[in-house]
Amino acid sequence: MYKVAFEKEAEKEFLKLDSSAQKLVASKIIDLQNGNFSNDKPLKGKHKGKFRKRAGNYRIIYLKENNLLVITIIRIAHRKEVY
């Protein structure tokens, strides 16, 4: 089981989503908390070391800290503006 932490900006982005998108993103965050990283892709370039999880048209950008079992949610945004 992982501990999930939000960066302040990511929390604001999550709260701005409509309720149906919030439910979908929240279910994906629960998957992360339970250690389900299937279909997550590592990012390249300036985002190297971070991972992406799909949630419909939204993307959850996160950083997995192996030693501490902490997942930091960095960004939640629509797929056309997340990177």
PDB file of N, CA and C in Angstrom:
ATOM      1  N   MET A   1       0.841  -1.183   0.000  1.00  0.00           N
ATOM      2  CA  MET A   1       0.000   0.000   0.000  1.00  0.00           C
ATOM      3  C   MET A   1       0.888   1.249   0.000  1.00  0.00           C
ATOM      4  N   TYR A   2       0.592   2.172  -0.876  1.00  0.00           N
ATOM      5  CA  TYR A   2       1.351   3.398  -1.018  1.00  0.00           C
ATOM      6  C   TYR A   2       0.601   4.557  -0.373  1.00  0.00           C
ATOM      7  N   LYS A   3       1.348   5.527   0.076  1.00  0.00           N
ATOM      8  CA  LYS A   3       0.767   6.772   0.570  1.00  0.00           C
ATOM      9  C   LYS A   3       0.747   7.730  -0.613  1.00  0.00           C
ATOM     10  N   VAL A   4      -0.370   8.405  -0.837  1.00  0.00           N
ATOM     11  CA  VAL A   4      -0.495   9.337  -1.955  1.00  0.00           C
ATOM     12  C   VAL A   4      -0.505  10.759  -1.407  1.00  0.00           C
ATOM     13  N   ALA A   5       0.355  11.605  -1.967  1.00  0.00           N
ATOM     14  CA  ALA A   5       0.427  13.013  -1.583  1.00  0.00           C
ATOM     15  C   ALA A   5       0.200  13.863  -2.823  1.00  0.00           C
ATOM     16  N   PHE A   6      -0.508  14.956  -2.660  1.00  0.00           N
ATOM     17  CA  PHE A   6      -0.768  15.878  -3.760  1.00  0.00           C
ATOM     18  C   PHE A   6       0.107  17.107  -3.612  1.00  0.00           C
ATOM     19  N   GLU A   7       0.668  17.561  -4.724  1.00  0.00           N
ATOM     20  CA  GLU A   7       1.260  18.890  -4.724  1.00  0.00           C
ATOM     21  C   GLU A   7       0.098  19.874  -4.740  1.00  0.00           C
ATOM     22  N   LYS A   8       0.323  21.075  -4.245  1.00  0.00           N
ATOM     23  CA  LYS A   8      -0.748  22.066  -4.105  1.00  0.00           C
ATOM     24  C   LYS A   8      -1.445  22.346  -5.437  1.00  0.00           C
ATOM     25  N   GLU A   9      -0.676  22.488  -6.512  1.00  0.00           N
ATOM     26  CA  GLU A   9      -1.255  22.753  -7.838  1.00  0.00           C
ATOM     27  C   GLU A   9      -2.117  21.588  -8.315  1.00  0.00           C
ATOM     28  N   ALA A  10      -1.653  20.365  -8.080  1.00  0.00           N
ATOM     29  CA  ALA A  10      -2.409  19.191  -8.510  1.00  0.00           C
ATOM     30  C   ALA A  10      -3.736  19.110  -7.764  1.00  0.00           C
ATOM     31  N   GLU A  11      -3.720  19.467  -6.489  1.00  0.00           N
ATOM     32  CA  GLU A  11      -4.958  19.455  -5.710  1.00  0.00           C
ATOM     33  C   GLU A  11      -5.950  20.479  -6.270  1.00  0.00           C
ATOM     34  N   LYS A  12      -5.467  21.649  -6.628  1.00  0.00           N
ATOM     35  CA  LYS A  12      -6.325  22.682  -7.220  1.00  0.00           C
ATOM     36  C   LYS A  12      -6.903  22.200  -8.547  1.00  0.00           C
ATOM     37  N   GLU A  13      -6.053  21.575  -9.376  1.00  0.00           N
ATOM     38  CA  GLU A  13      -6.516  21.072 -10.673  1.00  0.00           C
ATOM     39  C   GLU A  13      -7.593  20.005 -10.482  1.00  0.00           C
ATOM     40  N   PHE A  14      -7.395  19.136  -9.484  1.00  0.00           N
ATOM     41  CA  PHE A  14      -8.375  18.078  -9.216  1.00  0.00           C
ATOM     42  C   PHE A  14      -9.709  18.688  -8.792  1.00  0.00           C
ATOM     43  N   LEU A  15      -9.680  19.677  -7.927  1.00  0.00           N
ATOM     44  CA  LEU A  15     -10.911  20.286  -7.428  1.00  0.00           C
ATOM     45  C   LEU A  15     -11.652  21.079  -8.505  1.00  0.00           C
ATOM     46  N   LYS A  16     -10.968  21.506  -9.561  1.00  0.00           N
ATOM     47  CA  LYS A  16     -11.603  22.239 -10.658  1.00  0.00           C
ATOM     48  C   LYS A  16     -12.350  21.318 -11.631  1.00  0.00           C
ATOM     49  N   LEU A  17     -12.048  20.017 -11.607  1.00  0.00           N
ATOM     50  CA  LEU A  17     -12.689  19.085 -12.531  1.00  0.00           C
ATOM     51  C   LEU A  17     -14.166  18.938 -12.197  1.00  0.00           C
ATOM     52  N   ASP A  18     -14.979  18.581 -13.218  1.00  0.00           N
ATOM     53  CA  ASP A  18     -16.381  18.311 -12.935  1.00  0.00           C
ATOM     54  C   ASP A  18     -16.496  16.996 -12.163  1.00  0.00           C
ATOM     55  N   SER A  19     -17.648  16.746 -11.583  1.00  0.00           N
ATOM     56  CA  SER A  19     -17.791  15.621 -10.641  1.00  0.00           C
ATOM     57  C   SER A  19     -17.543  14.260 -11.292  1.00  0.00           C
ATOM     58  N   SER A  20     -17.972  14.071 -12.544  1.00  0.00           N
ATOM     59  CA  SER A  20     -17.755  12.768 -13.187  1.00  0.00           C
ATOM     60  C   SER A  20     -16.261  12.536 -13.441  1.00  0.00           C
ATOM     61  N   ALA A  21     -15.549  13.575 -13.849  1.00  0.00           N
ATOM     62  CA  ALA A  21     -14.109  13.453 -14.069  1.00  0.00           C
ATOM     63  C   ALA A  21     -13.396  13.232 -12.735  1.00  0.00           C
ATOM     64  N   GLN A  22     -13.855  13.892 -11.680  1.00  0.00           N
ATOM     65  CA  GLN A  22     -13.256  13.701 -10.356  1.00  0.00           C
ATOM     66  C   GLN A  22     -13.395  12.257  -9.901  1.00  0.00           C
ATOM     67  N   LYS A  23     -14.564  11.654 -10.142  1.00  0.00           N
ATOM     68  CA  LYS A  23     -14.775  10.258  -9.738  1.00  0.00           C
ATOM     69  C   LYS A  23     -13.829   9.332 -10.494  1.00  0.00           C
ATOM     70  N   LEU A  24     -13.673   9.565 -11.786  1.00  0.00           N
ATOM     71  CA  LEU A  24     -12.791   8.736 -12.606  1.00  0.00           C
ATOM     72  C   LEU A  24     -11.335   8.882 -12.149  1.00  0.00           C
ATOM     73  N   VAL A  25     -10.894  10.118 -11.955  1.00  0.00           N
ATOM     74  CA  VAL A  25      -9.519  10.367 -11.514  1.00  0.00           C
ATOM     75  C   VAL A  25      -9.298   9.788 -10.117  1.00  0.00           C
ATOM     76  N   ALA A  26     -10.290   9.931  -9.238  1.00  0.00           N
ATOM     77  CA  ALA A  26     -10.166   9.395  -7.875  1.00  0.00           C
ATOM     78  C   ALA A  26     -10.026   7.879  -7.893  1.00  0.00           C
ATOM     79  N   SER A  27     -10.752   7.206  -8.784  1.00  0.00           N
ATOM     80  CA  SER A  27     -10.633   5.740  -8.865  1.00  0.00           C
ATOM     81  C   SER A  27      -9.232   5.338  -9.334  1.00  0.00           C
ATOM     82  N   LYS A  28      -8.653   6.121 -10.243  1.00  0.00           N
ATOM     83  CA  LYS A  28      -7.291   5.834 -10.716  1.00  0.00           C
ATOM     84  C   LYS A  28      -6.267   6.104  -9.618  1.00  0.00           C
ATOM     85  N   ILE A  29      -6.504   7.123  -8.801  1.00  0.00           N
ATOM     86  CA  ILE A  29      -5.602   7.421  -7.696  1.00  0.00           C
ATOM     87  C   ILE A  29      -5.662   6.299  -6.660  1.00  0.00           C
ATOM     88  N   ILE A  30      -6.847   5.737  -6.453  1.00  0.00           N
ATOM     89  CA  ILE A  30      -6.980   4.591  -5.541  1.00  0.00           C
ATOM     90  C   ILE A  30      -6.206   3.399  -6.096  1.00  0.00           C
ATOM     91  N   ASP A  31      -6.236   3.209  -7.427  1.00  0.00           N
ATOM     92  CA  ASP A  31      -5.422   2.158  -8.055  1.00  0.00           C
ATOM     93  C   ASP A  31      -3.940   2.368  -7.741  1.00  0.00           C
ATOM     94  N   LEU A  32      -3.490   3.622  -7.850  1.00  0.00           N
ATOM     95  CA  LEU A  32      -2.094   3.920  -7.523  1.00  0.00           C
ATOM     96  C   LEU A  32      -1.796   3.585  -6.065  1.00  0.00           C
ATOM     97  N   GLN A  33      -2.708   3.959  -5.189  1.00  0.00           N
ATOM     98  CA  GLN A  33      -2.520   3.711  -3.761  1.00  0.00           C
ATOM     99  C   GLN A  33      -2.405   2.219  -3.480  1.00  0.00           C
ATOM    100  N   ASN A  34      -3.117   1.417  -4.244  1.00  0.00           N
ATOM    101  CA  ASN A  34      -3.089  -0.040  -4.070  1.00  0.00           C
ATOM    102  C   ASN A  34      -1.930  -0.704  -4.807  1.00  0.00           C
ATOM    103  N   GLY A  35      -1.130   0.078  -5.505  1.00  0.00           N
ATOM    104  CA  GLY A  35       0.041  -0.473  -6.190  1.00  0.00           C
ATOM    105  C   GLY A  35      -0.234  -0.997  -7.577  1.00  0.00           C
ATOM    106  N   ASN A  36      -1.355  -0.611  -8.180  1.00  0.00           N
ATOM    107  CA  ASN A  36      -1.693  -1.048  -9.531  1.00  0.00           C
ATOM    108  C   ASN A  36      -1.102  -0.053 -10.533  1.00  0.00           C
ATOM    109  N   PHE A  37       0.049  -0.409 -11.101  1.00  0.00           N
ATOM    110  CA  PHE A  37       0.734   0.468 -12.047  1.00  0.00           C
ATOM    111  C   PHE A  37       0.628  -0.044 -13.477  1.00  0.00           C
ATOM    112  N   SER A  38      -0.316  -0.939 -13.758  1.00  0.00           N
ATOM    113  CA  SER A  38      -0.437  -1.491 -15.103  1.00  0.00           C
ATOM    114  C   SER A  38      -0.814  -0.388 -16.097  1.00  0.00           C
ATOM    115  N   ASN A  39      -0.253  -0.464 -17.265  1.00  0.00           N
ATOM    116  CA  ASN A  39      -0.470   0.472 -18.366  1.00  0.00           C
ATOM    117  C   ASN A  39       0.042   1.885 -18.091  1.00  0.00           C
ATOM    118  N   ASP A  40       0.770   2.090 -17.011  1.00  0.00           N
ATOM    119  CA  ASP A  40       1.369   3.401 -16.746  1.00  0.00           C
ATOM    120  C   ASP A  40       2.646   3.507 -17.563  1.00  0.00           C
ATOM    121  N   LYS A  41       2.890   4.679 -18.109  1.00  0.00           N
ATOM    122  CA  LYS A  41       4.056   4.853 -18.965  1.00  0.00           C
ATOM    123  C   LYS A  41       5.052   5.805 -18.324  1.00  0.00           C
ATOM    124  N   PRO A  42       6.333   5.454 -18.390  1.00  0.00           N
ATOM    125  CA  PRO A  42       7.350   6.409 -17.924  1.00  0.00           C
ATOM    126  C   PRO A  42       7.468   7.548 -18.933  1.00  0.00           C
ATOM    127  N   LEU A  43       7.659   8.742 -18.440  1.00  0.00           N
ATOM    128  CA  LEU A  43       7.791   9.900 -19.322  1.00  0.00           C
ATOM    129  C   LEU A  43       9.240  10.100 -19.724  1.00  0.00           C
ATOM    130  N   LYS A  44       9.442  10.814 -20.811  1.00  0.00           N
ATOM    131  CA  LYS A  44      10.780  11.040 -21.351  1.00  0.00           C
ATOM    132  C   LYS A  44      11.115  12.522 -21.310  1.00  0.00           C
ATOM    133  N   GLY A  45      12.320  12.845 -21.691  1.00  0.00           N
ATOM    134  CA  GLY A  45      12.741  14.236 -21.803  1.00  0.00           C
ATOM    135  C   GLY A  45      12.834  14.919 -20.451  1.00  0.00           C
ATOM    136  N   LYS A  46      12.294  16.129 -20.370  1.00  0.00           N
ATOM    137  CA  LYS A  46      12.396  16.898 -19.132  1.00  0.00           C
ATOM    138  C   LYS A  46      11.568  16.304 -17.999  1.00  0.00           C
ATOM    139  N   HIS A  47      10.670  15.380 -18.307  1.00  0.00           N
ATOM    140  CA  HIS A  47       9.837  14.735 -17.296  1.00  0.00           C
ATOM    141  C   HIS A  47      10.354  13.344 -16.922  1.00  0.00           C
ATOM    142  N   LYS A  48      11.582  13.036 -17.290  1.00  0.00           N
ATOM    143  CA  LYS A  48      12.151  11.721 -17.022  1.00  0.00           C
ATOM    144  C   LYS A  48      12.105  11.418 -15.523  1.00  0.00           C
ATOM    145  N   GLY A  49      11.715  10.202 -15.185  1.00  0.00           N
ATOM    146  CA  GLY A  49      11.596   9.796 -13.787  1.00  0.00           C
ATOM    147  C   GLY A  49      10.167   9.866 -13.281  1.00  0.00           C
ATOM    148  N   LYS A  50       9.286  10.505 -14.061  1.00  0.00           N
ATOM    149  CA  LYS A  50       7.875  10.606 -13.696  1.00  0.00           C
ATOM    150  C   LYS A  50       7.082   9.613 -14.527  1.00  0.00           C
ATOM    151  N   PHE A  51       5.869   9.328 -14.089  1.00  0.00           N
ATOM    152  CA  PHE A  51       5.006   8.384 -14.781  1.00  0.00           C
ATOM    153  C   PHE A  51       3.667   9.026 -15.092  1.00  0.00           C
ATOM    154  N   ARG A  52       2.966   8.425 -16.059  1.00  0.00           N
ATOM    155  CA  ARG A  52       1.671   8.911 -16.495  1.00  0.00           C
ATOM    156  C   ARG A  52       0.637   7.812 -16.331  1.00  0.00           C
ATOM    157  N   LYS A  53      -0.505   8.157 -15.771  1.00  0.00           N
ATOM    158  CA  LYS A  53      -1.632   7.229 -15.691  1.00  0.00           C
ATOM    159  C   LYS A  53      -2.816   7.860 -16.406  1.00  0.00           C
ATOM    160  N   ARG A  54      -3.444   7.088 -17.281  1.00  0.00           N
ATOM    161  CA  ARG A  54      -4.603   7.573 -18.025  1.00  0.00           C
ATOM    162  C   ARG A  54      -5.855   7.495 -17.165  1.00  0.00           C
ATOM    163  N   ALA A  55      -6.685   8.531 -17.270  1.00  0.00           N
ATOM    164  CA  ALA A  55      -7.993   8.551 -16.631  1.00  0.00           C
ATOM    165  C   ALA A  55      -8.945   9.212 -17.625  1.00  0.00           C
ATOM    166  N   GLY A  56      -9.418   8.441 -18.602  1.00  0.00           N
ATOM    167  CA  GLY A  56     -10.246   9.003 -19.667  1.00  0.00           C
ATOM    168  C   GLY A  56      -9.429   9.983 -20.484  1.00  0.00           C
ATOM    169  N   ASN A  57      -9.920  11.210 -20.613  1.00  0.00           N
ATOM    170  CA  ASN A  57      -9.192  12.246 -21.352  1.00  0.00           C
ATOM    171  C   ASN A  57      -8.218  13.006 -20.473  1.00  0.00           C
ATOM    172  N   TYR A  58      -8.098  12.599 -19.235  1.00  0.00           N
ATOM    173  CA  TYR A  58      -7.202  13.264 -18.303  1.00  0.00           C
ATOM    174  C   TYR A  58      -5.981  12.395 -18.036  1.00  0.00           C
ATOM    175  N   ARG A  59      -4.907  13.038 -17.611  1.00  0.00           N
ATOM    176  CA  ARG A  59      -3.680  12.330 -17.285  1.00  0.00           C
ATOM    177  C   ARG A  59      -3.251  12.707 -15.884  1.00  0.00           C
ATOM    178  N   ILE A  60      -2.804  11.711 -15.147  1.00  0.00           N
ATOM    179  CA  ILE A  60      -2.269  11.920 -13.810  1.00  0.00           C
ATOM    180  C   ILE A  60      -0.762  11.744 -13.920  1.00  0.00           C
ATOM    181  N   ILE A  61      -0.020  12.786 -13.646  1.00  0.00           N
ATOM    182  CA  ILE A  61       1.438  12.731 -13.687  1.00  0.00           C
ATOM    183  C   ILE A  61       1.900  12.553 -12.248  1.00  0.00           C
ATOM    184  N   TYR A  62       2.696  11.506 -12.015  1.00  0.00           N
ATOM    185  CA  TYR A  62       3.114  11.233 -10.645  1.00  0.00           C
ATOM    186  C   TYR A  62       4.557  10.791 -10.577  1.00  0.00           C
ATOM    187  N   LEU A  63       5.087  10.872  -9.371  1.00  0.00           N
ATOM    188  CA  LEU A  63       6.457  10.480  -9.074  1.00  0.00           C
ATOM    189  C   LEU A  63       6.386   9.394  -8.013  1.00  0.00           C
ATOM    190  N   LYS A  64       7.019   8.251  -8.288  1.00  0.00           N
ATOM    191  CA  LYS A  64       7.002   7.130  -7.353  1.00  0.00           C
ATOM    192  C   LYS A  64       8.347   7.082  -6.634  1.00  0.00           C
ATOM    193  N   GLU A  65       8.291   7.233  -5.319  1.00  0.00           N
ATOM    194  CA  GLU A  65       9.505   7.185  -4.512  1.00  0.00           C
ATOM    195  C   GLU A  65       9.602   5.794  -3.899  1.00  0.00           C
ATOM    196  N   ASN A  66      10.461   4.956  -4.484  1.00  0.00           N
ATOM    197  CA  ASN A  66      10.516   3.530  -4.158  1.00  0.00           C
ATOM    198  C   ASN A  66      10.768   3.230  -2.688  1.00  0.00           C
ATOM    199  N   ASN A  67      11.721   3.887  -2.075  1.00  0.00           N
ATOM    200  CA  ASN A  67      12.106   3.542  -0.715  1.00  0.00           C
ATOM    201  C   ASN A  67      11.019   3.853   0.299  1.00  0.00           C
ATOM    202  N   LEU A  68      10.258   4.920   0.067  1.00  0.00           N
ATOM    203  CA  LEU A  68       9.306   5.391   1.060  1.00  0.00           C
ATOM    204  C   LEU A  68       7.868   4.932   0.796  1.00  0.00           C
ATOM    205  N   LEU A  69       7.624   4.303  -0.339  1.00  0.00           N
ATOM    206  CA  LEU A  69       6.279   3.925  -0.752  1.00  0.00           C
ATOM    207  C   LEU A  69       5.357   5.137  -0.755  1.00  0.00           C
ATOM    208  N   VAL A  70       5.847   6.223  -1.346  1.00  0.00           N
ATOM    209  CA  VAL A  70       5.074   7.456  -1.461  1.00  0.00           C
ATOM    210  C   VAL A  70       4.897   7.773  -2.941  1.00  0.00           C
ATOM    211  N   ILE A  71       3.692   8.140  -3.314  1.00  0.00           N
ATOM    212  CA  ILE A  71       3.408   8.585  -4.674  1.00  0.00           C
ATOM    213  C   ILE A  71       2.987  10.040  -4.574  1.00  0.00           C
ATOM    214  N   THR A  72       3.698  10.914  -5.262  1.00  0.00           N
ATOM    215  CA  THR A  72       3.372  12.334  -5.264  1.00  0.00           C
ATOM    216  C   THR A  72       2.666  12.671  -6.566  1.00  0.00           C
ATOM    217  N   ILE A  73       1.426  13.113  -6.470  1.00  0.00           N
ATOM    218  CA  ILE A  73       0.679  13.533  -7.650  1.00  0.00           C
ATOM    219  C   ILE A  73       1.158  14.932  -8.008  1.00  0.00           C
ATOM    220  N   ILE A  74       1.721  15.073  -9.202  1.00  0.00           N
ATOM    221  CA  ILE A  74       2.308  16.336  -9.621  1.00  0.00           C
ATOM    222  C   ILE A  74       1.322  17.159 -10.427  1.00  0.00           C
ATOM    223  N   ARG A  75       0.551  16.504 -11.280  1.00  0.00           N
ATOM    224  CA  ARG A  75      -0.309  17.245 -12.197  1.00  0.00           C
ATOM    225  C   ARG A  75      -1.507  16.397 -12.563  1.00  0.00           C
ATOM    226  N   ILE A  76      -2.673  17.017 -12.666  1.00  0.00           N
ATOM    227  CA  ILE A  76      -3.875  16.386 -13.206  1.00  0.00           C
ATOM    228  C   ILE A  76      -4.460  17.384 -14.193  1.00  0.00           C
ATOM    229  N   ALA A  77      -4.478  17.027 -15.465  1.00  0.00           N
ATOM    230  CA  ALA A  77      -4.958  17.955 -16.472  1.00  0.00           C
ATOM    231  C   ALA A  77      -5.438  17.186 -17.696  1.00  0.00           C
ATOM    232  N   HIS A  78      -6.153  17.901 -18.563  1.00  0.00           N
ATOM    233  CA  HIS A  78      -6.616  17.310 -19.808  1.00  0.00           C
ATOM    234  C   HIS A  78      -5.407  16.910 -20.643  1.00  0.00           C
ATOM    235  N   ARG A  79      -5.545  15.862 -21.418  1.00  0.00           N
ATOM    236  CA  ARG A  79      -4.401  15.307 -22.131  1.00  0.00           C
ATOM    237  C   ARG A  79      -3.759  16.283 -23.104  1.00  0.00           C
ATOM    238  N   LYS A  80      -4.502  17.260 -23.608  1.00  0.00           N
ATOM    239  CA  LYS A  80      -3.898  18.194 -24.573  1.00  0.00           C
ATOM    240  C   LYS A  80      -3.070  19.275 -23.898  1.00  0.00           C
ATOM    241  N   GLU A  81      -3.181  19.429 -22.575  1.00  0.00           N
ATOM    242  CA  GLU A  81      -2.424  20.492 -21.914  1.00  0.00           C
ATOM    243  C   GLU A  81      -1.590  20.018 -20.747  1.00  0.00           C
ATOM    244  N   VAL A  82      -1.483  18.704 -20.535  1.00  0.00           N
ATOM    245  CA  VAL A  82      -0.815  18.195 -19.343  1.00  0.00           C
ATOM    246  C   VAL A  82       0.709  18.275 -19.404  1.00  0.00           C
ATOM    247  N   TYR A  83       1.276  18.180 -20.594  1.00  0.00           N
ATOM    248  CA  TYR A  83       2.733  18.153 -20.705  1.00  0.00           C
ATOM    249  C   TYR A  83       3.246  19.545 -20.947  1.00  0.00           C
TER     250      TYR A  83
END
